[in-house]
Amino acid sequence: MRTILGLAAAALTLLACATGTSGVRSRELAGTAPHTAPAMPPLQADTTRFELPAPVLGPITAPGDVLEPVPGGQVDWGRKVVRARGTGVIDPGAQNPAQARLMAERAAVVVAQRNLLEIVKGVRVDSDTKVENFMTRFDVVYSHVDGVVRGARPVGPATYDEKSGTVEVELEIDLAGPQSVTGALAPALGPGQPVSAAQLSPPVQEFFRQYSGLVLEAGNTGLKPSLFPKIYDENGNLLLDTRDYYQQYTGQAGMTALQYVERLDQILSRPEFARSPLVLKVKQVKGLLGTDIVLGRQDVDKLKWLKDGAKYLLDAGRLLVRLLL
């Protein structure tokens, strides 16, 4: 009997100890802060992240480098401006010489505007079309072009020739930019290429990592400058129609959207082209007006990304054509 009572007491003691220990452990767990994962270190900057090249600041060529003389004026394709001159005659019998000179200057402006309009009509839009063709087909284009011409700005002060009794003025307008010939043509150029069509695909990114731009070397091929040249392969397949991107010509960066240059050193001397551009030789010229470019097979293989990346080239002013007029 004494043995049984001893065993029972021992069992009760063990049970009490177990219960007390459990309560202590529960209180310890309740008072312990919940476990949290250690803080992640801050993400390091991705040094391989792609960035588009900065836009070229202003035209590369000097005034007159890529010049096409025409009757009554000139088309400066390098600077994308059209200039025209006009002359007025001072009335020798006028009682007020100052008034006579003013009237002659006004007459010279009218003549210069008329000449400017005629020059603009002959500007090549693409290989098949001149500005005049659009002006004839679309009244709205005629009206817009006429408005651009009437808003022409003077190139320096009027010149008076006392010996001949004449006054000469020179006016100019822009081929590209906000108030330009290209802007006047917009109603006839269609919707253009949607912005969503441009893709920063891996080949486009790789091109901009390796090169600062694309230069098409026309040399003495006889290529004629136009607002919107096309690029073909030897089999006649269209690689790029720059007319699809005419919106890039009508903004603030329109003057550099596609540039015609006379010398390669004009490009290479610019800080924007410190990393050499990709230079491809034009194999031949095609089109009714001789403005379209044909590239050789090996060069075409280097431009499989062109349609994806054309918008970025034009936006940054890094599509250039070297030619001799």
Protein backbone atom coordinates (compact mmCIF):
# COMPACT_ATOMS: atom_id res chain seq x y z
CA MET A 1 0.00 0.00 0.00
CA ARG A 2 2.82 2.37 0.92
CA THR A 3 4.49 1.54 -2.36
CA ILE A 4 1.38 2.39 -4.36
CA LEU A 5 0.96 5.72 -2.56
CA GLY A 6 4.61 6.58 -3.30
CA LEU A 7 4.20 5.89 -6.98
CA ALA A 8 1.08 8.04 -7.15
CA ALA A 9 2.83 10.96 -5.47
CA ALA A 10 5.73 10.73 -7.88
CA ALA A 11 3.32 10.75 -10.84
CA LEU A 12 1.57 13.86 -9.51
CA THR A 13 4.91 15.61 -9.04
CA LEU A 14 5.96 14.87 -12.62
CA LEU A 15 2.60 16.08 -13.94
CA ALA A 16 2.90 19.36 -12.03
CA CYS A 17 6.39 19.94 -13.34
CA ALA A 18 5.29 19.28 -16.88
CA THR A 19 2.34 21.63 -16.54
CA GLY A 20 4.49 24.39 -15.06
CA THR A 21 7.13 24.06 -17.71
CA SER A 22 4.51 24.20 -20.46
CA GLY A 23 3.10 27.42 -19.02
CA VAL A 24 6.51 29.04 -18.86
CA ARG A 25 7.29 28.05 -22.45
CA SER A 26 3.94 29.40 -23.64
CA ARG A 27 4.56 32.72 -21.92
CA GLU A 28 8.06 32.92 -23.43
CA LEU A 29 6.71 32.29 -26.95
CA ALA A 30 3.93 34.81 -26.45
CA GLY A 31 6.41 37.47 -25.45
CA THR A 32 8.85 36.85 -28.31
CA ALA A 33 8.69 39.16 -31.35
CA PRO A 34 7.51 37.41 -34.53
CA HIS A 35 10.27 36.23 -36.83
CA THR A 36 11.01 38.54 -39.81
CA ALA A 37 13.19 37.90 -42.85
CA PRO A 38 16.38 39.96 -42.98
CA ALA A 39 16.12 43.15 -45.08
CA MET A 40 17.14 42.77 -48.74
CA PRO A 41 20.12 44.87 -49.77
CA PRO A 42 19.25 47.75 -52.14
CA LEU A 43 19.18 46.83 -55.84
CA GLN A 44 22.25 47.84 -57.71
CA ALA A 45 21.85 50.01 -60.81
CA ASP A 46 21.63 48.01 -64.02
CA THR A 47 24.68 49.20 -65.88
CA THR A 48 23.55 47.38 -69.02
CA ARG A 49 20.26 49.30 -69.25
CA PHE A 50 19.77 50.66 -72.75
CA GLU A 51 19.50 54.39 -73.40
CA LEU A 52 18.74 56.02 -76.72
CA PRO A 53 21.37 58.45 -78.03
CA ALA A 54 20.80 62.14 -77.41
CA PRO A 55 19.37 64.11 -80.35
CA VAL A 56 21.84 65.88 -82.62
CA LEU A 57 21.76 69.59 -81.92
CA GLY A 58 21.16 71.48 -85.14
CA PRO A 59 22.14 70.75 -88.75
CA ILE A 60 25.58 69.26 -89.31
CA THR A 61 26.41 71.03 -92.57
CA ALA A 62 27.36 74.66 -93.00
CA PRO A 63 25.07 76.90 -95.09
CA GLY A 64 25.59 76.27 -98.79
CA ASP A 65 27.38 72.92 -98.48
CA VAL A 66 24.59 70.89 -100.11
CA LEU A 67 23.19 73.54 -102.40
CA GLU A 68 20.93 73.12 -105.43
CA PRO A 69 20.82 76.36 -107.44
CA VAL A 70 17.53 77.04 -109.24
CA PRO A 71 16.25 80.04 -111.23
CA GLY A 72 15.53 82.90 -108.84
CA GLY A 73 17.06 81.26 -105.79
CA GLN A 74 18.32 78.02 -104.30
CA VAL A 75 17.43 74.97 -102.23
CA ASP A 76 19.85 74.36 -99.37
CA TRP A 77 19.27 70.67 -98.64
CA GLY A 78 21.87 70.59 -95.88
CA ARG A 79 20.12 73.30 -93.87
CA LYS A 80 16.62 72.40 -95.18
CA VAL A 81 15.72 75.88 -96.35
CA VAL A 82 14.53 77.37 -99.65
CA ARG A 83 15.66 80.90 -100.59
CA ALA A 84 14.50 83.24 -103.33
CA ARG A 85 15.45 86.75 -104.42
CA GLY A 86 13.27 89.55 -105.67
CA THR A 87 14.04 92.96 -107.17
CA GLY A 88 12.05 96.17 -107.16
CA VAL A 89 12.70 99.35 -109.16
CA ILE A 90 12.87 102.74 -107.46
CA ASP A 91 10.78 105.36 -109.20
CA PRO A 92 13.38 107.95 -110.36
CA GLY A 93 10.77 110.68 -110.63
CA ALA A 94 9.36 110.26 -107.13
CA GLN A 95 9.25 113.46 -105.06
CA ASN A 96 9.88 111.50 -101.86
CA PRO A 97 12.99 109.29 -102.32
CA ALA A 98 12.50 107.48 -99.00
CA GLN A 99 8.94 106.62 -99.91
CA ALA A 100 10.07 105.48 -103.35
CA ARG A 101 12.64 103.13 -101.84
CA LEU A 102 10.04 101.71 -99.47
CA MET A 103 7.64 101.06 -102.34
CA ALA A 104 10.41 99.40 -104.34
CA GLU A 105 11.27 97.17 -101.39
CA ARG A 106 7.65 96.10 -101.08
CA ALA A 107 7.61 95.26 -104.77
CA ALA A 108 10.81 93.24 -104.34
CA VAL A 109 9.20 91.23 -101.53
CA VAL A 110 6.25 90.37 -103.76
CA VAL A 111 8.61 89.21 -106.52
CA ALA A 112 10.67 87.18 -104.03
CA GLN A 113 7.51 85.49 -102.73
CA ARG A 114 6.45 84.64 -106.26
CA ASN A 115 9.88 83.18 -107.01
CA LEU A 116 9.84 81.29 -103.72
CA LEU A 117 6.52 79.69 -104.59
CA GLU A 118 7.83 78.57 -107.97
CA ILE A 119 10.95 77.07 -106.39
CA VAL A 120 8.91 75.22 -103.76
CA LYS A 121 6.71 73.71 -106.47
CA GLY A 122 9.77 72.02 -107.91
CA VAL A 123 11.00 70.52 -104.63
CA ARG A 124 11.17 66.73 -104.85
CA VAL A 125 8.92 65.06 -102.28
CA ASP A 126 9.93 61.52 -103.26
CA SER A 127 11.05 59.64 -106.35
CA ASP A 128 7.75 60.19 -108.17
CA THR A 129 6.33 63.43 -106.82
CA LYS A 130 7.10 67.12 -106.52
CA VAL A 131 5.36 69.61 -104.26
CA GLU A 132 3.51 70.98 -107.30
CA ASN A 133 1.75 67.63 -107.79
CA PHE A 134 0.23 67.82 -104.33
CA MET A 135 -0.67 71.47 -104.74
CA THR A 136 -2.58 70.66 -107.93
CA ARG A 137 -4.46 67.73 -106.42
CA PHE A 138 -5.24 69.18 -102.99
CA ASP A 139 -6.57 72.70 -102.52
CA VAL A 140 -5.76 72.54 -98.83
CA VAL A 141 -2.11 71.85 -99.63
CA TYR A 142 -1.99 74.78 -102.05
CA SER A 143 -3.46 77.02 -99.37
CA HIS A 144 -1.00 75.83 -96.72
CA VAL A 145 2.04 76.17 -98.98
CA ASP A 146 0.92 79.65 -100.00
CA GLY A 147 0.60 80.56 -96.33
CA VAL A 148 4.12 79.30 -95.58
CA VAL A 149 5.49 81.37 -98.48
CA ARG A 150 3.69 84.52 -97.37
CA GLY A 151 5.24 84.06 -93.94
CA ALA A 152 8.78 83.84 -95.36
CA ARG A 153 11.47 85.55 -93.32
CA PRO A 154 14.03 87.98 -94.78
CA VAL A 155 17.65 86.92 -95.11
CA GLY A 156 19.41 90.06 -93.96
CA PRO A 157 18.43 93.64 -94.86
CA ALA A 158 17.33 94.79 -98.29
CA THR A 159 20.13 95.78 -100.67
CA TYR A 160 19.89 99.14 -102.47
CA ASP A 161 21.79 99.78 -105.70
CA GLU A 162 21.85 103.51 -106.28
CA LYS A 163 23.45 103.17 -109.72
CA SER A 164 20.76 100.88 -111.13
CA GLY A 165 18.00 102.32 -108.98
CA THR A 166 16.88 98.93 -107.65
CA VAL A 167 16.22 97.19 -104.37
CA GLU A 168 16.87 93.47 -103.84
CA VAL A 169 15.53 91.29 -101.02
CA GLU A 170 16.06 87.63 -100.21
CA LEU A 171 13.50 85.51 -98.39
CA GLU A 172 13.64 81.98 -97.01
CA ILE A 173 11.33 79.29 -95.68
CA ASP A 174 11.97 75.91 -94.03
CA LEU A 175 11.55 72.55 -95.71
CA ALA A 176 11.06 70.88 -92.31
CA GLY A 177 10.01 71.98 -88.85
CA PRO A 178 6.83 73.40 -87.30
CA GLN A 179 6.06 76.02 -90.00
CA SER A 180 7.44 74.34 -93.08
CA VAL A 181 6.79 72.89 -96.49
CA THR A 182 6.55 69.40 -95.02
CA GLY A 183 3.94 70.61 -92.55
CA ALA A 184 1.96 72.13 -95.43
CA LEU A 185 2.02 68.77 -97.22
CA ALA A 186 0.74 66.83 -94.20
CA PRO A 187 -2.92 66.64 -95.35
CA ALA A 188 -1.78 64.75 -98.46
CA LEU A 189 0.77 62.46 -96.83
CA GLY A 190 -1.68 60.12 -95.10
CA PRO A 191 -1.67 58.83 -91.53
CA GLY A 192 2.00 57.94 -91.49
CA GLN A 193 3.59 55.22 -89.42
CA PRO A 194 1.96 54.73 -85.99
CA VAL A 195 4.28 55.33 -83.06
CA SER A 196 3.45 51.84 -81.77
CA ALA A 197 5.18 50.37 -84.83
CA ALA A 198 8.56 51.50 -83.49
CA GLN A 199 10.24 48.86 -81.37
CA LEU A 200 13.33 48.97 -79.25
CA SER A 201 14.00 45.39 -80.23
CA PRO A 202 17.30 43.75 -79.24
CA PRO A 203 18.79 44.32 -82.74
CA VAL A 204 17.90 48.05 -82.54
CA GLN A 205 19.50 48.32 -79.11
CA GLU A 206 22.57 46.46 -80.28
CA PHE A 207 22.95 48.82 -83.23
CA PHE A 208 22.88 51.91 -81.00
CA ARG A 209 25.35 50.30 -78.60
CA GLN A 210 27.83 49.78 -81.43
CA TYR A 211 27.24 52.83 -83.63
CA SER A 212 26.38 56.49 -83.25
CA GLY A 213 24.24 56.59 -86.39
CA LEU A 214 23.71 55.40 -89.95
CA VAL A 215 25.36 57.11 -92.92
CA LEU A 216 24.46 56.21 -96.50
CA GLU A 217 27.39 57.08 -98.74
CA ALA A 218 26.01 58.11 -102.14
CA GLY A 219 29.19 59.77 -103.44
CA ASN A 220 29.01 60.27 -107.21
CA THR A 221 26.03 57.97 -107.80
CA GLY A 222 23.94 60.91 -109.00
CA LEU A 223 21.47 60.66 -106.13
CA LYS A 224 19.13 63.65 -105.99
CA PRO A 225 18.00 64.91 -102.60
CA SER A 226 14.32 64.72 -101.72
CA LEU A 227 12.16 65.15 -98.65
CA PHE A 228 11.42 61.43 -98.37
CA PRO A 229 13.89 59.05 -100.02
CA LYS A 230 13.18 55.32 -100.08
CA ILE A 231 15.71 52.57 -99.44
CA TYR A 232 15.62 49.30 -101.43
CA ASP A 233 17.61 46.12 -101.73
CA GLU A 234 18.96 44.85 -105.06
CA ASN A 235 15.83 42.78 -105.67
CA GLY A 236 13.54 45.79 -105.44
CA ASN A 237 12.27 45.03 -101.95
CA LEU A 238 11.43 48.17 -99.98
CA LEU A 239 13.48 48.39 -96.79
CA LEU A 240 12.33 51.83 -95.65
CA ASP A 241 10.05 54.60 -96.87
CA THR A 242 10.95 57.71 -94.87
CA ARG A 243 7.64 59.28 -95.89
CA ASP A 244 5.97 56.96 -93.38
CA TYR A 245 7.71 58.99 -90.68
CA TYR A 246 6.89 62.47 -91.93
CA GLN A 247 5.62 63.47 -88.46
CA GLN A 248 9.26 63.44 -87.34
CA TYR A 249 9.92 66.16 -89.96
CA THR A 250 7.22 68.53 -88.72
CA GLY A 251 8.27 68.89 -85.07
CA GLN A 252 11.00 70.93 -83.44
CA ALA A 253 13.60 68.31 -84.40
CA GLY A 254 12.45 68.24 -88.03
CA MET A 255 15.52 70.10 -89.29
CA THR A 256 17.72 67.15 -88.28
CA ALA A 257 15.31 64.25 -88.94
CA LEU A 258 17.19 63.24 -92.10
CA GLN A 259 20.31 65.15 -93.04
CA TYR A 260 22.17 65.52 -96.30
CA VAL A 261 25.88 66.20 -95.89
CA GLU A 262 28.75 66.86 -98.25
CA ARG A 263 31.69 65.41 -96.30
CA LEU A 264 32.10 62.60 -93.81
CA ASP A 265 34.46 64.66 -91.68
CA GLN A 266 31.55 67.02 -90.96
CA ILE A 267 29.90 64.10 -89.20
CA LEU A 268 32.92 62.62 -87.47
CA SER A 269 33.98 65.99 -86.05
CA ARG A 270 30.74 66.30 -84.10
CA PRO A 271 30.77 65.15 -80.45
CA GLU A 272 27.49 63.26 -81.00
CA PHE A 273 29.40 60.95 -83.37
CA ALA A 274 32.42 60.32 -81.16
CA ARG A 275 31.55 56.65 -81.54
CA SER A 276 31.78 56.02 -85.27
CA PRO A 277 28.58 55.64 -87.30
CA LEU A 278 27.84 52.71 -89.57
CA VAL A 279 28.70 53.83 -93.12
CA LEU A 280 27.12 51.91 -96.01
CA LYS A 281 27.83 52.59 -99.66
CA VAL A 282 24.90 53.24 -101.96
CA LYS A 283 25.14 50.74 -104.82
CA GLN A 284 22.83 52.51 -107.25
CA VAL A 285 20.04 55.07 -107.57
CA LYS A 286 16.51 54.44 -108.81
CA GLY A 287 13.16 56.19 -109.23
CA LEU A 288 11.75 58.60 -111.80
CA LEU A 289 13.40 61.58 -110.09
CA GLY A 290 16.53 59.70 -109.04
CA THR A 291 15.99 60.04 -105.29
CA ASP A 292 15.78 56.41 -104.15
CA ILE A 293 18.65 54.42 -102.69
CA VAL A 294 19.64 50.82 -103.48
CA LEU A 295 21.96 48.94 -101.12
CA GLY A 296 23.99 45.81 -101.76
CA ARG A 297 23.09 42.41 -100.33
CA GLN A 298 25.76 42.36 -97.62
CA ASP A 299 24.79 45.81 -96.40
CA VAL A 300 21.11 44.93 -96.34
CA ASP A 301 21.92 42.07 -93.96
CA LYS A 302 23.18 44.68 -91.49
CA LEU A 303 19.87 46.56 -91.55
CA LYS A 304 17.29 43.93 -90.70
CA TRP A 305 16.32 46.09 -87.72
CA LEU A 306 15.74 49.21 -89.84
CA LYS A 307 11.95 49.37 -89.84
CA ASP A 308 11.85 48.84 -86.08
CA GLY A 309 14.48 51.49 -85.43
CA ALA A 310 13.83 54.12 -88.13
CA LYS A 311 11.79 56.36 -85.83
CA TYR A 312 14.61 56.46 -83.27
CA LEU A 313 17.19 57.26 -85.97
CA LEU A 314 15.08 60.15 -87.26
CA ASP A 315 14.16 61.47 -83.81
CA ALA A 316 17.84 61.61 -82.85
CA GLY A 317 19.00 63.06 -86.18
CA ARG A 318 21.23 60.07 -86.82
CA LEU A 319 20.17 59.06 -90.32
CA LEU A 320 22.41 60.87 -92.80
CA VAL A 321 23.03 60.75 -96.53
CA ARG A 322 26.29 61.94 -98.03
CA LEU A 323 26.03 63.12 -101.63
CA LEU A 324 27.59 65.48 -104.12
CA LEU A 325 25.49 67.91 -106.12
